[in-house]
């Protein structure tokens, strides 16, 4: 494959954008249905995912990742702490800094929800060959890499 820039037809790009938008909406809705089985909100789940992926972070860092106001993130963390999903911990090197730490109950919820989401996707991929799924995965990864460069 060449690194040459290929100009795609507007119609093809419009179709890809539309299908991605529809798929994203379905995945988001299904994710909300799955999360509703737990005592957490979708924004809390996203916060738990960031903590699981990146480790402990301050409320400011978390609010930036969630695209939420600091005060909104503080309220969100308060509720998650009350439900024993996370806890606030003082930084050992700088006692003025407080980080949010993911607890075992929060980790368990993330794993269960992700497993259910993967099971849902597995059901939807039944009509695909192994090669088609591998190609789809490869194409989505490639698109993701290009989008992260922005």
N, C-alpha and C. Protein backbone atom coordinates (compact mmCIF):
# COMPACT_ATOMS: atom_id res chain seq x y z
N UNK A 1 0.83 -1.19 0.00
CA UNK A 1 0.00 0.00 0.00
C UNK A 1 0.87 1.24 0.00
N UNK A 2 0.42 2.22 -0.67
CA UNK A 2 1.15 3.47 -0.80
C UNK A 2 0.64 4.47 0.23
N UNK A 3 1.54 5.39 0.62
CA UNK A 3 1.14 6.45 1.55
C UNK A 3 0.54 7.62 0.78
N UNK A 4 0.36 7.44 -0.51
CA UNK A 4 -0.20 8.48 -1.37
C UNK A 4 -1.62 8.82 -0.91
N UNK A 5 -1.94 10.11 -0.94
CA UNK A 5 -3.26 10.56 -0.53
C UNK A 5 -4.25 10.25 -1.64
N UNK A 6 -5.32 9.55 -1.26
CA UNK A 6 -6.36 9.20 -2.22
C UNK A 6 -7.57 10.06 -1.93
N UNK A 7 -8.10 10.68 -2.97
CA UNK A 7 -9.31 11.49 -2.84
C UNK A 7 -10.49 10.57 -3.16
N UNK A 8 -11.36 10.39 -2.18
CA UNK A 8 -12.51 9.51 -2.36
C UNK A 8 -13.72 10.33 -2.80
N UNK A 9 -14.64 9.67 -3.47
CA UNK A 9 -15.82 10.38 -3.95
C UNK A 9 -16.65 10.88 -2.77
N UNK A 10 -17.27 12.05 -2.92
CA UNK A 10 -18.12 12.57 -1.84
C UNK A 10 -19.25 11.61 -1.47
N UNK A 11 -19.76 10.89 -2.44
CA UNK A 11 -20.85 9.95 -2.17
C UNK A 11 -20.38 8.80 -1.27
N UNK A 12 -19.18 8.28 -1.56
CA UNK A 12 -18.63 7.18 -0.78
C UNK A 12 -18.34 7.65 0.65
N UNK A 13 -17.73 8.81 0.78
CA UNK A 13 -17.43 9.36 2.10
C UNK A 13 -18.72 9.60 2.87
N UNK A 14 -19.75 10.12 2.19
CA UNK A 14 -21.03 10.36 2.86
C UNK A 14 -21.64 9.05 3.35
N UNK A 15 -21.54 8.00 2.56
CA UNK A 15 -22.07 6.69 2.97
C UNK A 15 -21.31 6.15 4.17
N UNK A 16 -19.99 6.24 4.15
CA UNK A 16 -19.18 5.76 5.27
C UNK A 16 -19.54 6.54 6.54
N UNK A 17 -19.62 7.86 6.42
CA UNK A 17 -19.96 8.70 7.58
C UNK A 17 -21.33 8.32 8.14
N UNK A 18 -22.31 8.14 7.25
CA UNK A 18 -23.66 7.80 7.69
C UNK A 18 -23.69 6.44 8.39
N UNK A 19 -23.03 5.45 7.83
CA UNK A 19 -23.02 4.11 8.44
C UNK A 19 -22.32 4.13 9.79
N UNK A 20 -21.19 4.87 9.89
CA UNK A 20 -20.49 4.98 11.17
C UNK A 20 -21.37 5.67 12.21
N UNK A 21 -22.08 6.70 11.79
CA UNK A 21 -22.98 7.43 12.70
C UNK A 21 -24.09 6.51 13.20
N UNK A 22 -24.69 5.74 12.28
CA UNK A 22 -25.75 4.83 12.68
C UNK A 22 -25.23 3.74 13.61
N UNK A 23 -24.07 3.17 13.27
CA UNK A 23 -23.48 2.12 14.10
C UNK A 23 -23.15 2.68 15.49
N UNK A 24 -22.55 3.88 15.54
CA UNK A 24 -22.20 4.49 16.82
C UNK A 24 -23.45 4.71 17.68
N UNK A 25 -24.54 5.14 17.06
CA UNK A 25 -25.78 5.37 17.80
C UNK A 25 -26.33 4.07 18.37
N UNK A 26 -26.28 3.00 17.59
CA UNK A 26 -26.77 1.70 18.05
C UNK A 26 -25.90 1.18 19.19
N UNK A 27 -24.58 1.27 19.03
CA UNK A 27 -23.65 0.82 20.06
C UNK A 27 -23.86 1.62 21.35
N UNK A 28 -24.04 2.93 21.20
CA UNK A 28 -24.26 3.79 22.37
C UNK A 28 -25.56 3.39 23.08
N UNK A 29 -26.63 3.19 22.32
CA UNK A 29 -27.91 2.81 22.91
C UNK A 29 -27.82 1.46 23.59
N UNK A 30 -27.20 0.50 22.93
CA UNK A 30 -27.06 -0.84 23.52
C UNK A 30 -26.21 -0.76 24.79
N UNK A 31 -25.15 0.05 24.74
CA UNK A 31 -24.32 0.25 25.92
C UNK A 31 -25.10 0.83 27.08
N UNK A 32 -25.98 1.79 26.78
CA UNK A 32 -26.82 2.38 27.84
C UNK A 32 -27.78 1.36 28.43
N UNK A 33 -28.33 0.50 27.57
CA UNK A 33 -29.23 -0.55 28.07
C UNK A 33 -28.48 -1.49 29.01
N UNK A 34 -27.27 -1.85 28.64
CA UNK A 34 -26.47 -2.76 29.46
C UNK A 34 -26.11 -2.09 30.78
N UNK A 35 -25.66 -0.82 30.72
CA UNK A 35 -25.27 -0.09 31.93
C UNK A 35 -26.46 0.10 32.86
N UNK A 36 -27.67 0.19 32.29
CA UNK A 36 -28.86 0.41 33.13
C UNK A 36 -29.12 -0.74 34.09
N UNK A 37 -28.52 -1.91 33.83
CA UNK A 37 -28.65 -3.05 34.74
C UNK A 37 -27.82 -2.86 36.02
N UNK A 38 -26.98 -1.83 36.00
CA UNK A 38 -26.10 -1.56 37.14
C UNK A 38 -26.52 -0.23 37.76
N UNK A 39 -26.04 0.02 38.95
CA UNK A 39 -26.42 1.25 39.67
C UNK A 39 -25.50 2.41 39.30
N UNK A 40 -25.25 2.57 37.99
CA UNK A 40 -24.40 3.67 37.54
C UNK A 40 -25.02 4.32 36.30
N UNK A 41 -24.60 5.55 36.04
CA UNK A 41 -25.06 6.27 34.87
C UNK A 41 -24.04 6.09 33.74
N UNK A 42 -24.44 6.35 32.49
CA UNK A 42 -23.46 6.27 31.39
C UNK A 42 -22.22 7.15 31.61
N UNK A 43 -22.35 8.40 32.09
CA UNK A 43 -21.13 9.18 32.33
C UNK A 43 -20.23 8.56 33.41
N UNK A 44 -20.84 7.94 34.41
CA UNK A 44 -20.04 7.26 35.43
C UNK A 44 -19.28 6.09 34.82
N UNK A 45 -19.94 5.37 33.92
CA UNK A 45 -19.27 4.25 33.26
C UNK A 45 -18.08 4.73 32.45
N UNK A 46 -18.26 5.83 31.72
CA UNK A 46 -17.15 6.39 30.92
C UNK A 46 -16.00 6.79 31.85
N UNK A 47 -16.32 7.40 32.98
CA UNK A 47 -15.29 7.78 33.95
C UNK A 47 -14.55 6.55 34.46
N UNK A 48 -15.28 5.50 34.77
CA UNK A 48 -14.66 4.26 35.24
C UNK A 48 -13.74 3.68 34.17
N UNK A 49 -14.17 3.75 32.91
CA UNK A 49 -13.33 3.24 31.82
C UNK A 49 -12.02 4.02 31.73
N UNK A 50 -12.08 5.35 31.84
CA UNK A 50 -10.86 6.16 31.79
C UNK A 50 -9.94 5.78 32.94
N UNK A 51 -10.48 5.61 34.12
CA UNK A 51 -9.66 5.25 35.28
C UNK A 51 -9.04 3.87 35.10
N UNK A 52 -9.80 2.96 34.52
CA UNK A 52 -9.28 1.62 34.29
C UNK A 52 -8.18 1.64 33.24
N UNK A 53 -8.36 2.44 32.21
CA UNK A 53 -7.39 2.49 31.12
C UNK A 53 -6.12 3.27 31.48
N UNK A 54 -6.29 4.41 32.16
CA UNK A 54 -5.15 5.31 32.40
C UNK A 54 -4.64 5.30 33.83
N UNK A 55 -5.38 4.69 34.74
CA UNK A 55 -4.97 4.68 36.14
C UNK A 55 -5.47 5.91 36.89
N UNK A 56 -4.98 6.08 38.09
CA UNK A 56 -5.41 7.18 38.95
C UNK A 56 -5.21 8.52 38.26
N UNK A 57 -6.17 9.41 38.45
CA UNK A 57 -6.04 10.77 37.92
C UNK A 57 -6.80 11.74 38.80
N UNK A 58 -6.43 13.00 38.67
CA UNK A 58 -7.11 14.03 39.45
C UNK A 58 -8.49 14.28 38.85
N UNK A 59 -9.33 14.96 39.62
CA UNK A 59 -10.65 15.30 39.11
C UNK A 59 -10.52 16.21 37.89
N UNK A 60 -9.55 17.10 37.90
CA UNK A 60 -9.32 17.98 36.75
C UNK A 60 -8.97 17.19 35.49
N UNK A 61 -8.09 16.21 35.64
CA UNK A 61 -7.72 15.37 34.49
C UNK A 61 -8.93 14.57 34.00
N UNK A 62 -9.69 14.04 34.95
CA UNK A 62 -10.88 13.27 34.59
C UNK A 62 -11.92 14.15 33.91
N UNK A 63 -12.12 15.36 34.41
CA UNK A 63 -13.10 16.26 33.80
C UNK A 63 -12.70 16.62 32.37
N UNK A 64 -11.40 16.75 32.11
CA UNK A 64 -10.93 16.99 30.74
C UNK A 64 -11.23 15.81 29.83
N UNK A 65 -11.03 14.60 30.33
CA UNK A 65 -11.30 13.39 29.53
C UNK A 65 -12.80 13.22 29.25
N UNK A 66 -13.63 13.64 30.21
CA UNK A 66 -15.07 13.48 30.08
C UNK A 66 -15.74 14.66 29.37
N UNK A 67 -14.97 15.73 29.16
CA UNK A 67 -15.52 16.97 28.58
C UNK A 67 -16.66 17.50 29.45
N UNK A 68 -16.43 17.46 30.77
CA UNK A 68 -17.42 17.96 31.72
C UNK A 68 -16.77 19.05 32.57
N UNK A 69 -17.61 19.90 33.13
CA UNK A 69 -17.11 20.93 34.04
C UNK A 69 -16.53 20.26 35.29
N UNK A 70 -15.58 20.92 35.90
CA UNK A 70 -14.93 20.41 37.11
C UNK A 70 -15.97 20.10 38.18
N UNK A 71 -16.93 21.01 38.37
CA UNK A 71 -17.95 20.82 39.41
C UNK A 71 -18.84 19.61 39.10
N UNK A 72 -19.15 19.41 37.84
CA UNK A 72 -19.97 18.25 37.44
C UNK A 72 -19.20 16.96 37.69
N UNK A 73 -17.91 16.97 37.37
CA UNK A 73 -17.09 15.78 37.59
C UNK A 73 -16.95 15.49 39.08
N UNK A 74 -16.83 16.54 39.88
CA UNK A 74 -16.75 16.37 41.34
C UNK A 74 -18.01 15.69 41.85
N UNK A 75 -19.18 16.13 41.39
CA UNK A 75 -20.45 15.49 41.79
C UNK A 75 -20.49 14.03 41.36
N UNK A 76 -20.02 13.77 40.14
CA UNK A 76 -20.00 12.42 39.60
C UNK A 76 -19.11 11.52 40.46
N UNK A 77 -17.92 12.02 40.82
CA UNK A 77 -17.00 11.26 41.66
C UNK A 77 -17.59 11.05 43.06
N UNK A 78 -18.27 12.07 43.59
CA UNK A 78 -18.93 11.93 44.90
C UNK A 78 -19.89 10.75 44.89
N UNK A 79 -20.72 10.67 43.85
CA UNK A 79 -21.70 9.57 43.76
C UNK A 79 -21.01 8.21 43.59
N UNK A 80 -19.95 8.19 42.78
CA UNK A 80 -19.23 6.92 42.58
C UNK A 80 -18.52 6.49 43.86
N UNK A 81 -18.01 7.46 44.61
CA UNK A 81 -17.35 7.14 45.87
C UNK A 81 -18.37 6.60 46.88
N UNK A 82 -19.54 7.20 46.91
CA UNK A 82 -20.61 6.75 47.80
C UNK A 82 -21.01 5.31 47.48
N UNK A 83 -20.97 4.94 46.20
CA UNK A 83 -21.32 3.59 45.76
C UNK A 83 -20.13 2.63 45.77
N UNK A 84 -19.01 3.09 46.33
CA UNK A 84 -17.81 2.27 46.49
C UNK A 84 -17.22 1.78 45.18
N UNK A 85 -17.31 2.62 44.14
CA UNK A 85 -16.72 2.31 42.84
C UNK A 85 -15.32 2.89 42.74
N UNK A 86 -15.11 4.03 43.41
CA UNK A 86 -13.82 4.72 43.42
C UNK A 86 -13.57 5.26 44.82
N UNK A 87 -12.36 5.70 45.05
CA UNK A 87 -12.07 6.43 46.28
C UNK A 87 -11.05 7.52 45.96
N UNK A 88 -11.12 8.58 46.74
CA UNK A 88 -10.15 9.67 46.62
C UNK A 88 -8.93 9.31 47.46
N UNK A 89 -7.75 9.52 46.89
CA UNK A 89 -6.51 9.19 47.58
C UNK A 89 -5.55 10.38 47.47
N UNK A 90 -4.93 10.75 48.58
CA UNK A 90 -3.93 11.81 48.55
C UNK A 90 -2.65 11.28 47.91
N UNK A 91 -2.08 12.09 47.04
CA UNK A 91 -0.82 11.74 46.39
C UNK A 91 0.28 11.65 47.45
N UNK A 92 1.07 10.58 47.41
CA UNK A 92 2.13 10.39 48.40
C UNK A 92 3.23 11.45 48.28
N UNK A 93 3.48 11.93 47.05
CA UNK A 93 4.55 12.90 46.82
C UNK A 93 4.11 14.33 47.10
N UNK A 94 2.83 14.61 46.92
CA UNK A 94 2.32 15.96 47.14
C UNK A 94 0.94 15.84 47.79
N UNK A 95 0.88 16.02 49.09
CA UNK A 95 -0.35 15.81 49.86
C UNK A 95 -1.48 16.75 49.44
N UNK A 96 -1.16 17.83 48.70
CA UNK A 96 -2.21 18.74 48.23
C UNK A 96 -2.99 18.14 47.07
N UNK A 97 -2.38 17.17 46.40
CA UNK A 97 -3.00 16.55 45.21
C UNK A 97 -3.83 15.34 45.64
N UNK A 98 -5.06 15.31 45.16
CA UNK A 98 -5.95 14.18 45.43
C UNK A 98 -6.29 13.52 44.10
N UNK A 99 -6.10 12.21 44.03
CA UNK A 99 -6.42 11.47 42.81
C UNK A 99 -7.62 10.57 43.05
N UNK A 100 -8.28 10.22 41.96
CA UNK A 100 -9.41 9.29 42.01
C UNK A 100 -8.87 7.91 41.66
N UNK A 101 -9.14 6.95 42.52
CA UNK A 101 -8.63 5.59 42.36
C UNK A 101 -9.79 4.62 42.15
N UNK A 102 -9.68 3.78 41.14
CA UNK A 102 -10.70 2.78 40.83
C UNK A 102 -10.64 1.64 41.84
N UNK A 103 -11.80 1.29 42.40
CA UNK A 103 -11.89 0.18 43.35
C UNK A 103 -12.34 -1.10 42.64
N UNK A 104 -12.22 -2.22 43.33
CA UNK A 104 -12.54 -3.54 42.75
C UNK A 104 -13.97 -3.60 42.23
N UNK A 105 -14.92 -3.03 42.96
CA UNK A 105 -16.32 -3.06 42.51
C UNK A 105 -16.48 -2.32 41.18
N UNK A 106 -15.80 -1.19 41.02
CA UNK A 106 -15.83 -0.45 39.76
C UNK A 106 -15.21 -1.25 38.63
N UNK A 107 -14.08 -1.92 38.92
CA UNK A 107 -13.42 -2.76 37.91
C UNK A 107 -14.34 -3.90 37.48
N UNK A 108 -15.01 -4.51 38.44
CA UNK A 108 -15.91 -5.63 38.14
C UNK A 108 -17.03 -5.19 37.21
N UNK A 109 -17.61 -4.02 37.50
CA UNK A 109 -18.69 -3.51 36.66
C UNK A 109 -18.20 -3.26 35.24
N UNK A 110 -17.02 -2.65 35.10
CA UNK A 110 -16.46 -2.40 33.76
C UNK A 110 -16.33 -3.72 33.01
N UNK A 111 -15.72 -4.72 33.65
CA UNK A 111 -15.51 -5.99 32.98
C UNK A 111 -16.82 -6.65 32.57
N UNK A 112 -17.80 -6.63 33.45
CA UNK A 112 -19.09 -7.25 33.14
C UNK A 112 -19.78 -6.53 31.98
N UNK A 113 -19.79 -5.21 32.00
CA UNK A 113 -20.44 -4.44 30.94
C UNK A 113 -19.73 -4.67 29.61
N UNK A 114 -18.41 -4.64 29.61
CA UNK A 114 -17.66 -4.85 28.37
C UNK A 114 -17.90 -6.25 27.83
N UNK A 115 -17.94 -7.24 28.71
CA UNK A 115 -18.22 -8.61 28.28
C UNK A 115 -19.60 -8.69 27.63
N UNK A 116 -20.60 -8.03 28.20
CA UNK A 116 -21.95 -8.04 27.62
C UNK A 116 -21.97 -7.31 26.28
N UNK A 117 -21.23 -6.21 26.17
CA UNK A 117 -21.16 -5.48 24.90
C UNK A 117 -20.49 -6.34 23.84
N UNK A 118 -19.43 -7.05 24.22
CA UNK A 118 -18.73 -7.93 23.27
C UNK A 118 -19.63 -9.09 22.85
N UNK A 119 -20.41 -9.61 23.80
CA UNK A 119 -21.34 -10.69 23.48
C UNK A 119 -22.38 -10.20 22.46
N UNK A 120 -22.89 -8.98 22.67
CA UNK A 120 -23.85 -8.39 21.73
C UNK A 120 -23.21 -8.29 20.33
N UNK A 121 -21.98 -7.79 20.27
CA UNK A 121 -21.29 -7.65 18.98
C UNK A 121 -21.05 -9.02 18.35
N UNK A 122 -20.69 -9.99 19.17
CA UNK A 122 -20.48 -11.36 18.67
C UNK A 122 -21.75 -11.86 17.97
N UNK A 123 -22.91 -11.60 18.57
CA UNK A 123 -24.18 -12.02 17.97
C UNK A 123 -24.41 -11.33 16.63
N UNK A 124 -24.01 -10.08 16.51
CA UNK A 124 -24.23 -9.32 15.27
C UNK A 124 -23.23 -9.69 14.18
N UNK A 125 -22.13 -10.33 14.55
CA UNK A 125 -21.11 -10.73 13.57
C UNK A 125 -21.29 -12.16 13.07
N UNK A 126 -22.38 -12.79 13.47
CA UNK A 126 -22.62 -14.20 13.10
C UNK A 126 -22.58 -14.41 11.58
N UNK A 127 -23.09 -13.50 10.80
CA UNK A 127 -23.13 -13.67 9.35
C UNK A 127 -21.84 -13.31 8.63
N UNK A 128 -20.80 -12.99 9.38
CA UNK A 128 -19.52 -12.61 8.80
C UNK A 128 -18.54 -13.77 8.87
N UNK A 129 -17.66 -13.88 7.86
CA UNK A 129 -16.59 -14.87 7.93
C UNK A 129 -15.50 -14.34 8.86
N UNK A 130 -14.62 -15.24 9.28
CA UNK A 130 -13.49 -14.83 10.12
C UNK A 130 -12.63 -13.80 9.39
N UNK A 131 -12.45 -14.00 8.09
CA UNK A 131 -11.64 -13.06 7.29
C UNK A 131 -12.32 -11.68 7.23
N UNK A 132 -13.63 -11.66 7.07
CA UNK A 132 -14.35 -10.37 7.03
C UNK A 132 -14.22 -9.62 8.35
N UNK A 133 -14.33 -10.34 9.46
CA UNK A 133 -14.20 -9.71 10.76
C UNK A 133 -12.78 -9.18 10.95
N UNK A 134 -11.79 -9.96 10.53
CA UNK A 134 -10.39 -9.52 10.64
C UNK A 134 -10.16 -8.27 9.78
N UNK A 135 -10.72 -8.24 8.58
CA UNK A 135 -10.57 -7.07 7.71
C UNK A 135 -11.27 -5.86 8.32
N UNK A 136 -12.48 -6.05 8.82
CA UNK A 136 -13.22 -4.96 9.44
C UNK A 136 -12.42 -4.39 10.61
N UNK A 137 -11.90 -5.26 11.44
CA UNK A 137 -11.10 -4.84 12.58
C UNK A 137 -9.88 -4.04 12.12
N UNK A 138 -9.21 -4.54 11.12
CA UNK A 138 -8.03 -3.86 10.58
C UNK A 138 -8.38 -2.48 10.03
N UNK A 139 -9.47 -2.39 9.29
CA UNK A 139 -9.88 -1.11 8.71
C UNK A 139 -10.28 -0.11 9.80
N UNK A 140 -10.99 -0.59 10.81
CA UNK A 140 -11.39 0.30 11.90
C UNK A 140 -10.17 0.79 12.69
N UNK A 141 -9.22 -0.10 12.92
CA UNK A 141 -7.98 0.31 13.61
C UNK A 141 -7.24 1.36 12.80
N UNK A 142 -7.16 1.15 11.49
CA UNK A 142 -6.47 2.10 10.61
C UNK A 142 -7.17 3.46 10.64
N UNK A 143 -8.48 3.47 10.58
CA UNK A 143 -9.25 4.71 10.64
C UNK A 143 -9.02 5.41 11.98
N UNK A 144 -9.03 4.63 13.05
CA UNK A 144 -8.80 5.17 14.39
C UNK A 144 -7.43 5.84 14.48
N UNK A 145 -6.40 5.18 13.97
CA UNK A 145 -5.05 5.74 13.98
C UNK A 145 -5.02 7.08 13.24
N UNK A 146 -5.64 7.14 12.08
CA UNK A 146 -5.68 8.39 11.30
C UNK A 146 -6.44 9.49 12.04
N UNK A 147 -7.52 9.11 12.70
CA UNK A 147 -8.32 10.11 13.43
C UNK A 147 -7.59 10.63 14.66
N UNK A 148 -6.80 9.79 15.32
CA UNK A 148 -6.05 10.22 16.52
C UNK A 148 -4.96 11.22 16.18
N UNK A 149 -4.56 11.30 14.92
CA UNK A 149 -3.49 12.20 14.53
C UNK A 149 -3.91 13.65 14.53
N UNK A 150 -5.20 13.91 14.65
CA UNK A 150 -5.69 15.30 14.65
C UNK A 150 -5.33 16.01 15.94
